[in-house]
Amino acid sequence: MSNKKGTAFRPSNSDKQEMAGRTHQNADILMAIESGRFSSLDELKAMLQSEATLMQALMKCDDVWFTDKNSCIDINHSLALQKQADEAKKSSVAFDLGTFLGDINASIK
């Protein structure tokens, strides 16, 4: 029982995945700081702002995300593929996402 105001709920798999992602991101940032990758807080701030911008753009990618061989999302490649999908949709009345994804996956094997 809790006397705090709010809502208690059973976390979904999506909730757990979100927290796992945040945990990994925090660990990556901590390791980068500890290894001396950033020489100032301004440099760290600039990197975090850049990452936030990329992640916001990724969240707008409705058709395709790309993962590398380690199953990590490649944000820049995902954005490029989404741009290709958007251009293909504009130029083709008969655009088929399944065919588009199949062609991409065939080209990287």
PDB file of N, CA and C in Angstrom:
ATOM      1  N   MET A   1       0.843  -1.175   0.000  1.00  0.00           N
ATOM      2  CA  MET A   1       0.000   0.000   0.000  1.00  0.00           C
ATOM      3  C   MET A   1       0.886   1.234   0.000  1.00  0.00           C
ATOM      4  N   SER A   2       0.467   2.233  -0.742  1.00  0.00           N
ATOM      5  CA  SER A   2       1.252   3.452  -0.866  1.00  0.00           C
ATOM      6  C   SER A   2       0.382   4.662  -0.581  1.00  0.00           C
ATOM      7  N   ASN A   3       0.975   5.655   0.037  1.00  0.00           N
ATOM      8  CA  ASN A   3       0.225   6.886   0.262  1.00  0.00           C
ATOM      9  C   ASN A   3       0.601   7.963  -0.752  1.00  0.00           C
ATOM     10  N   LYS A   4       1.426   7.613  -1.726  1.00  0.00           N
ATOM     11  CA  LYS A   4       1.786   8.572  -2.774  1.00  0.00           C
ATOM     12  C   LYS A   4       0.662   8.682  -3.776  1.00  0.00           C
ATOM     13  N   LYS A   5       0.506   9.889  -4.329  1.00  0.00           N
ATOM     14  CA  LYS A   5      -0.518  10.080  -5.355  1.00  0.00           C
ATOM     15  C   LYS A   5       0.036   9.636  -6.693  1.00  0.00           C
ATOM     16  N   GLY A   6      -0.763   8.938  -7.441  1.00  0.00           N
ATOM     17  CA  GLY A   6      -0.343   8.427  -8.734  1.00  0.00           C
ATOM     18  C   GLY A   6      -1.116   7.172  -9.060  1.00  0.00           C
ATOM     19  N   THR A   7      -0.569   6.384  -9.949  1.00  0.00           N
ATOM     20  CA  THR A   7      -1.240   5.167 -10.379  1.00  0.00           C
ATOM     21  C   THR A   7      -0.266   4.000 -10.315  1.00  0.00           C
ATOM     22  N   ALA A   8      -0.685   2.924  -9.699  1.00  0.00           N
ATOM     23  CA  ALA A   8       0.099   1.696  -9.709  1.00  0.00           C
ATOM     24  C   ALA A   8      -0.413   0.834 -10.855  1.00  0.00           C
ATOM     25  N   PHE A   9       0.502   0.240 -11.609  1.00  0.00           N
ATOM     26  CA  PHE A   9       0.087  -0.594 -12.736  1.00  0.00           C
ATOM     27  C   PHE A   9       1.123  -1.668 -12.974  1.00  0.00           C
ATOM     28  N   ARG A  10       0.704  -2.723 -13.647  1.00  0.00           N
ATOM     29  CA  ARG A  10       1.626  -3.782 -14.038  1.00  0.00           C
ATOM     30  C   ARG A  10       2.310  -3.343 -15.325  1.00  0.00           C
ATOM     31  N   PRO A  11       3.631  -3.284 -15.331  1.00  0.00           N
ATOM     32  CA  PRO A  11       4.315  -2.832 -16.540  1.00  0.00           C
ATOM     33  C   PRO A  11       4.150  -3.825 -17.688  1.00  0.00           C
ATOM     34  N   SER A  12       3.938  -3.289 -18.868  1.00  0.00           N
ATOM     35  CA  SER A  12       3.846  -4.124 -20.064  1.00  0.00           C
ATOM     36  C   SER A  12       5.255  -4.422 -20.569  1.00  0.00           C
ATOM     37  N   ASN A  13       5.350  -5.294 -21.535  1.00  0.00           N
ATOM     38  CA  ASN A  13       6.652  -5.555 -22.150  1.00  0.00           C
ATOM     39  C   ASN A  13       7.216  -4.289 -22.777  1.00  0.00           C
ATOM     40  N   SER A  14       6.349  -3.460 -23.344  1.00  0.00           N
ATOM     41  CA  SER A  14       6.800  -2.191 -23.926  1.00  0.00           C
ATOM     42  C   SER A  14       7.394  -1.283 -22.858  1.00  0.00           C
ATOM     43  N   ASP A  15       6.744  -1.235 -21.693  1.00  0.00           N
ATOM     44  CA  ASP A  15       7.274  -0.430 -20.587  1.00  0.00           C
ATOM     45  C   ASP A  15       8.662  -0.923 -20.181  1.00  0.00           C
ATOM     46  N   LYS A  16       8.799  -2.243 -20.089  1.00  0.00           N
ATOM     47  CA  LYS A  16      10.084  -2.822 -19.696  1.00  0.00           C
ATOM     48  C   LYS A  16      11.157  -2.567 -20.756  1.00  0.00           C
ATOM     49  N   GLN A  17      10.778  -2.664 -22.026  1.00  0.00           N
ATOM     50  CA  GLN A  17      11.730  -2.391 -23.102  1.00  0.00           C
ATOM     51  C   GLN A  17      12.184  -0.936 -23.063  1.00  0.00           C
ATOM     52  N   GLU A  18      11.254  -0.038 -22.784  1.00  0.00           N
ATOM     53  CA  GLU A  18      11.586   1.384 -22.685  1.00  0.00           C
ATOM     54  C   GLU A  18      12.605   1.616 -21.572  1.00  0.00           C
ATOM     55  N   MET A  19      12.370   1.034 -20.417  1.00  0.00           N
ATOM     56  CA  MET A  19      13.290   1.207 -19.288  1.00  0.00           C
ATOM     57  C   MET A  19      14.640   0.548 -19.567  1.00  0.00           C
ATOM     58  N   ALA A  20      14.624  -0.602 -20.226  1.00  0.00           N
ATOM     59  CA  ALA A  20      15.884  -1.258 -20.585  1.00  0.00           C
ATOM     60  C   ALA A  20      16.683  -0.370 -21.532  1.00  0.00           C
ATOM     61  N   GLY A  21      16.005   0.230 -22.487  1.00  0.00           N
ATOM     62  CA  GLY A  21      16.677   1.131 -23.419  1.00  0.00           C
ATOM     63  C   GLY A  21      17.279   2.330 -22.720  1.00  0.00           C
ATOM     64  N   ARG A  22      16.527   2.900 -21.804  1.00  0.00           N
ATOM     65  CA  ARG A  22      17.043   4.051 -21.054  1.00  0.00           C
ATOM     66  C   ARG A  22      18.231   3.651 -20.188  1.00  0.00           C
ATOM     67  N   THR A  23      18.164   2.472 -19.600  1.00  0.00           N
ATOM     68  CA  THR A  23      19.263   1.990 -18.768  1.00  0.00           C
ATOM     69  C   THR A  23      20.528   1.826 -19.605  1.00  0.00           C
ATOM     70  N   HIS A  24      20.398   1.217 -20.775  1.00  0.00           N
ATOM     71  CA  HIS A  24      21.557   1.039 -21.659  1.00  0.00           C
ATOM     72  C   HIS A  24      22.108   2.387 -22.107  1.00  0.00           C
ATOM     73  N   GLN A  25      21.227   3.321 -22.432  1.00  0.00           N
ATOM     74  CA  GLN A  25      21.680   4.642 -22.864  1.00  0.00           C
ATOM     75  C   GLN A  25      22.441   5.334 -21.737  1.00  0.00           C
ATOM     76  N   ASN A  26      21.920   5.251 -20.528  1.00  0.00           N
ATOM     77  CA  ASN A  26      22.614   5.863 -19.393  1.00  0.00           C
ATOM     78  C   ASN A  26      23.979   5.226 -19.174  1.00  0.00           C
ATOM     79  N   ALA A  27      24.061   3.907 -19.307  1.00  0.00           N
ATOM     80  CA  ALA A  27      25.341   3.219 -19.146  1.00  0.00           C
ATOM     81  C   ALA A  27      26.326   3.653 -20.231  1.00  0.00           C
ATOM     82  N   ASP A  28      25.850   3.801 -21.461  1.00  0.00           N
ATOM     83  CA  ASP A  28      26.715   4.264 -22.555  1.00  0.00           C
ATOM     84  C   ASP A  28      27.259   5.658 -22.273  1.00  0.00           C
ATOM     85  N   ILE A  29      26.392   6.548 -21.790  1.00  0.00           N
ATOM     86  CA  ILE A  29      26.818   7.915 -21.484  1.00  0.00           C
ATOM     87  C   ILE A  29      27.839   7.904 -20.352  1.00  0.00           C
ATOM     88  N   LEU A  30      27.574   7.124 -19.321  1.00  0.00           N
ATOM     89  CA  LEU A  30      28.500   7.033 -18.193  1.00  0.00           C
ATOM     90  C   LEU A  30      29.865   6.532 -18.647  1.00  0.00           C
ATOM     91  N   MET A  31      29.900   5.482 -19.470  1.00  0.00           N
ATOM     92  CA  MET A  31      31.177   4.956 -19.964  1.00  0.00           C
ATOM     93  C   MET A  31      31.909   5.995 -20.812  1.00  0.00           C
ATOM     94  N   ALA A  32      31.164   6.758 -21.613  1.00  0.00           N
ATOM     95  CA  ALA A  32      31.793   7.791 -22.438  1.00  0.00           C
ATOM     96  C   ALA A  32      32.406   8.881 -21.565  1.00  0.00           C
ATOM     97  N   ILE A  33      31.710   9.257 -20.516  1.00  0.00           N
ATOM     98  CA  ILE A  33      32.242  10.277 -19.600  1.00  0.00           C
ATOM     99  C   ILE A  33      33.481   9.739 -18.895  1.00  0.00           C
ATOM    100  N   GLU A  34      33.393   8.517 -18.383  1.00  0.00           N
ATOM    101  CA  GLU A  34      34.517   7.923 -17.652  1.00  0.00           C
ATOM    102  C   GLU A  34      35.745   7.721 -18.536  1.00  0.00           C
ATOM    103  N   SER A  35      35.540   7.479 -19.816  1.00  0.00           N
ATOM    104  CA  SER A  35      36.673   7.251 -20.720  1.00  0.00           C
ATOM    105  C   SER A  35      37.273   8.551 -21.246  1.00  0.00           C
ATOM    106  N   GLY A  36      36.681   9.682 -20.868  1.00  0.00           N
ATOM    107  CA  GLY A  36      37.227  10.972 -21.280  1.00  0.00           C
ATOM    108  C   GLY A  36      36.796  11.419 -22.661  1.00  0.00           C
ATOM    109  N   ARG A  37      35.728  10.839 -23.192  1.00  0.00           N
ATOM    110  CA  ARG A  37      35.266  11.216 -24.533  1.00  0.00           C
ATOM    111  C   ARG A  37      34.844  12.681 -24.590  1.00  0.00           C
ATOM    112  N   PHE A  38      34.349  13.193 -23.482  1.00  0.00           N
ATOM    113  CA  PHE A  38      33.879  14.583 -23.447  1.00  0.00           C
ATOM    114  C   PHE A  38      34.841  15.420 -22.619  1.00  0.00           C
ATOM    115  N   SER A  39      35.262  16.542 -23.187  1.00  0.00           N
ATOM    116  CA  SER A  39      36.197  17.402 -22.469  1.00  0.00           C
ATOM    117  C   SER A  39      35.482  18.496 -21.688  1.00  0.00           C
ATOM    118  N   SER A  40      34.173  18.630 -21.919  1.00  0.00           N
ATOM    119  CA  SER A  40      33.421  19.658 -21.190  1.00  0.00           C
ATOM    120  C   SER A  40      31.950  19.270 -21.122  1.00  0.00           C
ATOM    121  N   LEU A  41      31.241  19.915 -20.227  1.00  0.00           N
ATOM    122  CA  LEU A  41      29.798  19.694 -20.142  1.00  0.00           C
ATOM    123  C   LEU A  41      29.101  20.184 -21.402  1.00  0.00           C
ATOM    124  N   ASP A  42      29.626  21.239 -22.019  1.00  0.00           N
ATOM    125  CA  ASP A  42      29.029  21.739 -23.262  1.00  0.00           C
ATOM    126  C   ASP A  42      29.116  20.695 -24.371  1.00  0.00           C
ATOM    127  N   GLU A  43      30.234  19.984 -24.417  1.00  0.00           N
ATOM    128  CA  GLU A  43      30.398  18.927 -25.420  1.00  0.00           C
ATOM    129  C   GLU A  43      29.401  17.788 -25.166  1.00  0.00           C
ATOM    130  N   LEU A  44      29.224  17.417 -23.915  1.00  0.00           N
ATOM    131  CA  LEU A  44      28.246  16.390 -23.553  1.00  0.00           C
ATOM    132  C   LEU A  44      26.836  16.857 -23.890  1.00  0.00           C
ATOM    133  N   LYS A  45      26.537  18.097 -23.568  1.00  0.00           N
ATOM    134  CA  LYS A  45      25.211  18.664 -23.857  1.00  0.00           C
ATOM    135  C   LYS A  45      24.928  18.646 -25.357  1.00  0.00           C
ATOM    136  N   ALA A  46      25.903  19.023 -26.166  1.00  0.00           N
ATOM    137  CA  ALA A  46      25.728  19.038 -27.623  1.00  0.00           C
ATOM    138  C   ALA A  46      25.443  17.634 -28.148  1.00  0.00           C
ATOM    139  N   MET A  47      26.153  16.631 -27.615  1.00  0.00           N
ATOM    140  CA  MET A  47      25.927  15.256 -28.047  1.00  0.00           C
ATOM    141  C   MET A  47      24.518  14.800 -27.671  1.00  0.00           C
ATOM    142  N   LEU A  48      24.090  15.114 -26.454  1.00  0.00           N
ATOM    143  CA  LEU A  48      22.757  14.705 -26.007  1.00  0.00           C
ATOM    144  C   LEU A  48      21.663  15.388 -26.823  1.00  0.00           C
ATOM    145  N   GLN A  49      21.871  16.660 -27.166  1.00  0.00           N
ATOM    146  CA  GLN A  49      20.892  17.365 -28.002  1.00  0.00           C
ATOM    147  C   GLN A  49      20.818  16.740 -29.387  1.00  0.00           C
ATOM    148  N   SER A  50      21.961  16.396 -29.939  1.00  0.00           N
ATOM    149  CA  SER A  50      22.005  15.761 -31.256  1.00  0.00           C
ATOM    150  C   SER A  50      21.296  14.406 -31.222  1.00  0.00           C
ATOM    151  N   GLU A  51      21.563  13.615 -30.195  1.00  0.00           N
ATOM    152  CA  GLU A  51      20.912  12.310 -30.055  1.00  0.00           C
ATOM    153  C   GLU A  51      19.403  12.457 -29.903  1.00  0.00           C
ATOM    154  N   ALA A  52      18.966  13.448 -29.134  1.00  0.00           N
ATOM    155  CA  ALA A  52      17.527  13.666 -28.944  1.00  0.00           C
ATOM    156  C   ALA A  52      16.861  14.011 -30.268  1.00  0.00           C
ATOM    157  N   THR A  53      17.516  14.832 -31.072  1.00  0.00           N
ATOM    158  CA  THR A  53      16.981  15.207 -32.382  1.00  0.00           C
ATOM    159  C   THR A  53      16.856  13.980 -33.283  1.00  0.00           C
ATOM    160  N   LEU A  54      17.893  13.144 -33.291  1.00  0.00           N
ATOM    161  CA  LEU A  54      17.856  11.925 -34.110  1.00  0.00           C
ATOM    162  C   LEU A  54      16.763  10.974 -33.640  1.00  0.00           C
ATOM    163  N   MET A  55      16.613  10.823 -32.332  1.00  0.00           N
ATOM    164  CA  MET A  55      15.584   9.911 -31.813  1.00  0.00           C
ATOM    165  C   MET A  55      14.180  10.412 -32.121  1.00  0.00           C
ATOM    166  N   GLN A  56      13.986  11.723 -32.069  1.00  0.00           N
ATOM    167  CA  GLN A  56      12.678  12.277 -32.430  1.00  0.00           C
ATOM    168  C   GLN A  56      12.374  11.997 -33.895  1.00  0.00           C
ATOM    169  N   ALA A  57      13.383  12.137 -34.745  1.00  0.00           N
ATOM    170  CA  ALA A  57      13.194  11.845 -36.168  1.00  0.00           C
ATOM    171  C   ALA A  57      12.896  10.359 -36.367  1.00  0.00           C
ATOM    172  N   LEU A  58      13.591   9.496 -35.627  1.00  0.00           N
ATOM    173  CA  LEU A  58      13.361   8.056 -35.741  1.00  0.00           C
ATOM    174  C   LEU A  58      11.927   7.696 -35.364  1.00  0.00           C
ATOM    175  N   MET A  59      11.392   8.343 -34.351  1.00  0.00           N
ATOM    176  CA  MET A  59      10.031   8.035 -33.909  1.00  0.00           C
ATOM    177  C   MET A  59       8.994   8.382 -34.978  1.00  0.00           C
ATOM    178  N   LYS A  60       9.371   9.199 -35.945  1.00  0.00           N
ATOM    179  CA  LYS A  60       8.469   9.544 -37.047  1.00  0.00           C
ATOM    180  C   LYS A  60       8.571   8.544 -38.200  1.00  0.00           C
ATOM    181  N   CYS A  61       9.524   7.621 -38.116  1.00  0.00           N
ATOM    182  CA  CYS A  61       9.687   6.597 -39.152  1.00  0.00           C
ATOM    183  C   CYS A  61       8.647   5.507 -38.924  1.00  0.00           C
ATOM    184  N   ASP A  62       7.606   5.521 -39.716  1.00  0.00           N
ATOM    185  CA  ASP A  62       6.523   4.561 -39.534  1.00  0.00           C
ATOM    186  C   ASP A  62       6.730   3.273 -40.319  1.00  0.00           C
ATOM    187  N   ASP A  63       7.517   3.320 -41.372  1.00  0.00           N
ATOM    188  CA  ASP A  63       7.608   2.178 -42.274  1.00  0.00           C
ATOM    189  C   ASP A  63       8.787   1.262 -42.018  1.00  0.00           C
ATOM    190  N   VAL A  64       9.926   1.817 -41.653  1.00  0.00           N
ATOM    191  CA  VAL A  64      11.121   0.972 -41.610  1.00  0.00           C
ATOM    192  C   VAL A  64      12.123   1.475 -40.575  1.00  0.00           C
ATOM    193  N   TRP A  65      12.587   0.554 -39.762  1.00  0.00           N
ATOM    194  CA  TRP A  65      13.742   0.766 -38.895  1.00  0.00           C
ATOM    195  C   TRP A  65      14.778  -0.263 -39.307  1.00  0.00           C
ATOM    196  N   PHE A  66      16.043   0.058 -39.122  1.00  0.00           N
ATOM    197  CA  PHE A  66      17.123  -0.840 -39.515  1.00  0.00           C
ATOM    198  C   PHE A  66      17.958  -1.179 -38.284  1.00  0.00           C
ATOM    199  N   THR A  67      18.253  -2.474 -38.101  1.00  0.00           N
ATOM    200  CA  THR A  67      19.132  -2.885 -37.012  1.00  0.00           C
ATOM    201  C   THR A  67      20.414  -3.467 -37.589  1.00  0.00           C
ATOM    202  N   ASP A  68      21.500  -3.272 -36.860  1.00  0.00           N
ATOM    203  CA  ASP A  68      22.776  -3.825 -37.302  1.00  0.00           C
ATOM    204  C   ASP A  68      22.879  -5.291 -36.887  1.00  0.00           C
ATOM    205  N   LYS A  69      24.031  -5.889 -37.122  1.00  0.00           N
ATOM    206  CA  LYS A  69      24.189  -7.323 -36.840  1.00  0.00           C
ATOM    207  C   LYS A  69      24.062  -7.642 -35.353  1.00  0.00           C
ATOM    208  N   ASN A  70      24.199  -6.635 -34.492  1.00  0.00           N
ATOM    209  CA  ASN A  70      24.042  -6.836 -33.049  1.00  0.00           C
ATOM    210  C   ASN A  70      22.632  -6.493 -32.572  1.00  0.00           C
ATOM    211  N   SER A  71      21.729  -6.297 -33.514  1.00  0.00           N
ATOM    212  CA  SER A  71      20.328  -5.953 -33.240  1.00  0.00           C
ATOM    213  C   SER A  71      20.160  -4.586 -32.591  1.00  0.00           C
ATOM    214  N   CYS A  72      21.117  -3.696 -32.824  1.00  0.00           N
ATOM    215  CA  CYS A  72      21.004  -2.314 -32.347  1.00  0.00           C
ATOM    216  C   CYS A  72      20.427  -1.466 -33.476  1.00  0.00           C
ATOM    217  N   ILE A  73      19.506  -0.600 -33.140  1.00  0.00           N
ATOM    218  CA  ILE A  73      18.897   0.241 -34.169  1.00  0.00           C
ATOM    219  C   ILE A  73      19.931   1.225 -34.699  1.00  0.00           C
ATOM    220  N   ASP A  74      20.102   1.229 -36.013  1.00  0.00           N
ATOM    221  CA  ASP A  74      20.977   2.185 -36.690  1.00  0.00           C
ATOM    222  C   ASP A  74      20.087   3.355 -37.098  1.00  0.00           C
ATOM    223  N   ILE A  75      20.135   4.423 -36.313  1.00  0.00           N
ATOM    224  CA  ILE A  75      19.216   5.542 -36.511  1.00  0.00           C
ATOM    225  C   ILE A  75      19.434   6.205 -37.863  1.00  0.00           C
ATOM    226  N   ASN A  76      20.683   6.506 -38.197  1.00  0.00           N
ATOM    227  CA  ASN A  76      20.946   7.204 -39.460  1.00  0.00           C
ATOM    228  C   ASN A  76      20.514   6.376 -40.665  1.00  0.00           C
ATOM    229  N   HIS A  77      20.791   5.077 -40.634  1.00  0.00           N
ATOM    230  CA  HIS A  77      20.389   4.215 -41.751  1.00  0.00           C
ATOM    231  C   HIS A  77      18.865   4.089 -41.808  1.00  0.00           C
ATOM    232  N   SER A  78      18.235   4.015 -40.645  1.00  0.00           N
ATOM    233  CA  SER A  78      16.769   3.955 -40.602  1.00  0.00           C
ATOM    234  C   SER A  78      16.159   5.205 -41.224  1.00  0.00           C
ATOM    235  N   LEU A  79      16.719   6.370 -40.900  1.00  0.00           N
ATOM    236  CA  LEU A  79      16.205   7.625 -41.462  1.00  0.00           C
ATOM    237  C   LEU A  79      16.384   7.652 -42.975  1.00  0.00           C
ATOM    238  N   ALA A  80      17.534   7.167 -43.447  1.00  0.00           N
ATOM    239  CA  ALA A  80      17.782   7.133 -44.890  1.00  0.00           C
ATOM    240  C   ALA A  80      16.803   6.190 -45.591  1.00  0.00           C
ATOM    241  N   LEU A  81      16.546   5.033 -44.993  1.00  0.00           N
ATOM    242  CA  LEU A  81      15.606   4.085 -45.595  1.00  0.00           C
ATOM    243  C   LEU A  81      14.184   4.628 -45.579  1.00  0.00           C
ATOM    244  N   GLN A  82      13.808   5.319 -44.507  1.00  0.00           N
ATOM    245  CA  GLN A  82      12.472   5.912 -44.455  1.00  0.00           C
ATOM    246  C   GLN A  82      12.323   6.961 -45.552  1.00  0.00           C
ATOM    247  N   LYS A  83      13.394   7.721 -45.788  1.00  0.00           N
ATOM    248  CA  LYS A  83      13.364   8.726 -46.860  1.00  0.00           C
ATOM    249  C   LYS A  83      13.159   8.041 -48.214  1.00  0.00           C
ATOM    250  N   GLN A  84      13.850   6.923 -48.432  1.00  0.00           N
ATOM    251  CA  GLN A  84      13.670   6.169 -49.677  1.00  0.00           C
ATOM    252  C   GLN A  84      12.235   5.668 -49.803  1.00  0.00           C
ATOM    253  N   ALA A  85      11.685   5.170 -48.701  1.00  0.00           N
ATOM    254  CA  ALA A  85      10.302   4.671 -48.727  1.00  0.00           C
ATOM    255  C   ALA A  85       9.335   5.805 -49.041  1.00  0.00           C
ATOM    256  N   ASP A  86       9.552   6.968 -48.435  1.00  0.00           N
ATOM    257  CA  ASP A  86       8.679   8.120 -48.694  1.00  0.00           C
ATOM    258  C   ASP A  86       8.749   8.540 -50.159  1.00  0.00           C
ATOM    259  N   GLU A  87       9.974   8.546 -50.719  1.00  0.00           N
ATOM    260  CA  GLU A  87      10.137   8.914 -52.128  1.00  0.00           C
ATOM    261  C   GLU A  87       9.481   7.879 -53.037  1.00  0.00           C
ATOM    262  N   ALA A  88       9.610   6.609 -52.686  1.00  0.00           N
ATOM    263  CA  ALA A  88       8.991   5.549 -53.489  1.00  0.00           C
ATOM    264  C   ALA A  88       7.471   5.660 -53.450  1.00  0.00           C
ATOM    265  N   LYS A  89       6.923   6.006 -52.293  1.00  0.00           N
ATOM    266  CA  LYS A  89       5.467   6.181 -52.178  1.00  0.00           C
ATOM    267  C   LYS A  89       4.987   7.307 -53.075  1.00  0.00           C
ATOM    268  N   LYS A  90       5.755   8.390 -53.122  1.00  0.00           N
ATOM    269  CA  LYS A  90       5.363   9.551 -53.935  1.00  0.00           C
ATOM    270  C   LYS A  90       5.431   9.237 -55.426  1.00  0.00           C
ATOM    271  N   SER A  91       6.402   8.420 -55.815  1.00  0.00           N
ATOM    272  CA  SER A  91       6.607   8.174 -57.243  1.00  0.00           C
ATOM    273  C   SER A  91       5.842   6.963 -57.772  1.00  0.00           C
ATOM    274  N   SER A  92       5.258   6.177 -56.888  1.00  0.00           N
ATOM    275  CA  SER A  92       4.587   4.960 -57.337  1.00  0.00           C
ATOM    276  C   SER A  92       3.215   4.829 -56.696  1.00  0.00           C
ATOM    277  N   VAL A  93       2.219   4.674 -57.539  1.00  0.00           N
ATOM    278  CA  VAL A  93       0.864   4.465 -57.040  1.00  0.00           C
ATOM    279  C   VAL A  93       0.758   3.087 -56.393  1.00  0.00           C
ATOM    280  N   ALA A  94       1.561   2.140 -56.868  1.00  0.00           N
ATOM    281  CA  ALA A  94       1.476   0.755 -56.402  1.00  0.00           C
ATOM    282  C   ALA A  94       2.587   0.419 -55.408  1.00  0.00           C
ATOM    283  N   PHE A  95       2.966   1.367 -54.560  1.00  0.00           N
ATOM    284  CA  PHE A  95       4.014   1.118 -53.573  1.00  0.00           C
ATOM    285  C   PHE A  95       3.569   0.027 -52.607  1.00  0.00           C
ATOM    286  N   ASP A  96       4.451  -0.952 -52.384  1.00  0.00           N
ATOM    287  CA  ASP A  96       4.159  -2.032 -51.445  1.00  0.00           C
ATOM    288  C   ASP A  96       5.294  -2.101 -50.432  1.00  0.00           C
ATOM    289  N   LEU A  97       4.976  -1.858 -49.161  1.00  0.00           N
ATOM    290  CA  LEU A  97       5.997  -1.830 -48.120  1.00  0.00           C
ATOM    291  C   LEU A  97       6.703  -3.177 -47.983  1.00  0.00           C
ATOM    292  N   GLY A  98       5.972  -4.268 -48.079  1.00  0.00           N
ATOM    293  CA  GLY A  98       6.584  -5.593 -47.972  1.00  0.00           C
ATOM    294  C   GLY A  98       7.635  -5.822 -49.043  1.00  0.00           C
ATOM    295  N   THR A  99       7.321  -5.437 -50.272  1.00  0.00           N
ATOM    296  CA  THR A  99       8.280  -5.564 -51.368  1.00  0.00           C
ATOM    297  C   THR A  99       9.487  -4.670 -51.125  1.00  0.00           C
ATOM    298  N   PHE A 100       9.232  -3.439 -50.678  1.00  0.00           N
ATOM    299  CA  PHE A 100      10.304  -2.487 -50.382  1.00  0.00           C
ATOM    300  C   PHE A 100      11.254  -3.070 -49.337  1.00  0.00           C
ATOM    301  N   LEU A 101      10.717  -3.582 -48.231  1.00  0.00           N
ATOM    302  CA  LEU A 101      11.551  -4.155 -47.176  1.00  0.00           C
ATOM    303  C   LEU A 101      12.279  -5.404 -47.663  1.00  0.00           C
ATOM    304  N   GLY A 102      11.600  -6.229 -48.457  1.00  0.00           N
ATOM    305  CA  GLY A 102      12.239  -7.416 -49.013  1.00  0.00           C
ATOM    306  C   GLY A 102      13.418  -7.061 -49.902  1.00  0.00           C
ATOM    307  N   ASP A 103      13.249  -6.032 -50.729  1.00  0.00           N
ATOM    308  CA  ASP A 103      14.335  -5.587 -51.604  1.00  0.00           C
ATOM    309  C   ASP A 103      15.524  -5.086 -50.789  1.00  0.00           C
ATOM    310  N   ILE A 104      15.251  -4.332 -49.734  1.00  0.00           N
ATOM    311  CA  ILE A 104      16.331  -3.812 -48.889  1.00  0.00           C
ATOM    312  C   ILE A 104      17.081  -4.966 -48.230  1.00  0.00           C
ATOM    313  N   ASN A 105      16.346  -5.892 -47.641  1.00  0.00           N
ATOM    314  CA  ASN A 105      16.992  -7.014 -46.958  1.00  0.00           C
ATOM    315  C   ASN A 105      17.774  -7.891 -47.926  1.00  0.00           C
ATOM    316  N   ALA A 106      17.274  -8.059 -49.139  1.00  0.00           N
ATOM    317  CA  ALA A 106      17.998  -8.840 -50.148  1.00  0.00           C
ATOM    318  C   ALA A 106      19.292  -8.145 -50.547  1.00  0.00           C
ATOM    319  N   SER A 107      19.282  -6.814 -50.571  1.00  0.00           N
ATOM    320  CA  SER A 107      20.468  -6.073 -51.007  1.00  0.00           C
ATOM    321  C   SER A 107      21.578  -6.074 -49.963  1.00  0.00           C
ATOM    322  N   ILE A 108      21.269  -6.386 -48.702  1.00  0.00           N
ATOM    323  CA  ILE A 108      22.309  -6.357 -47.673  1.00  0.00           C
ATOM    324  C   ILE A 108      22.845  -7.742 -47.323  1.00  0.00           C
ATOM    325  N   LYS A 109      22.339  -8.768 -47.961  1.00  0.00           N
ATOM    326  CA  LYS A 109      22.824 -10.133 -47.672  1.00  0.00           C
ATOM    327  C   LYS A 109      24.078 -10.430 -48.433  1.00  0.00           C
TER     328      LYS A 109
END
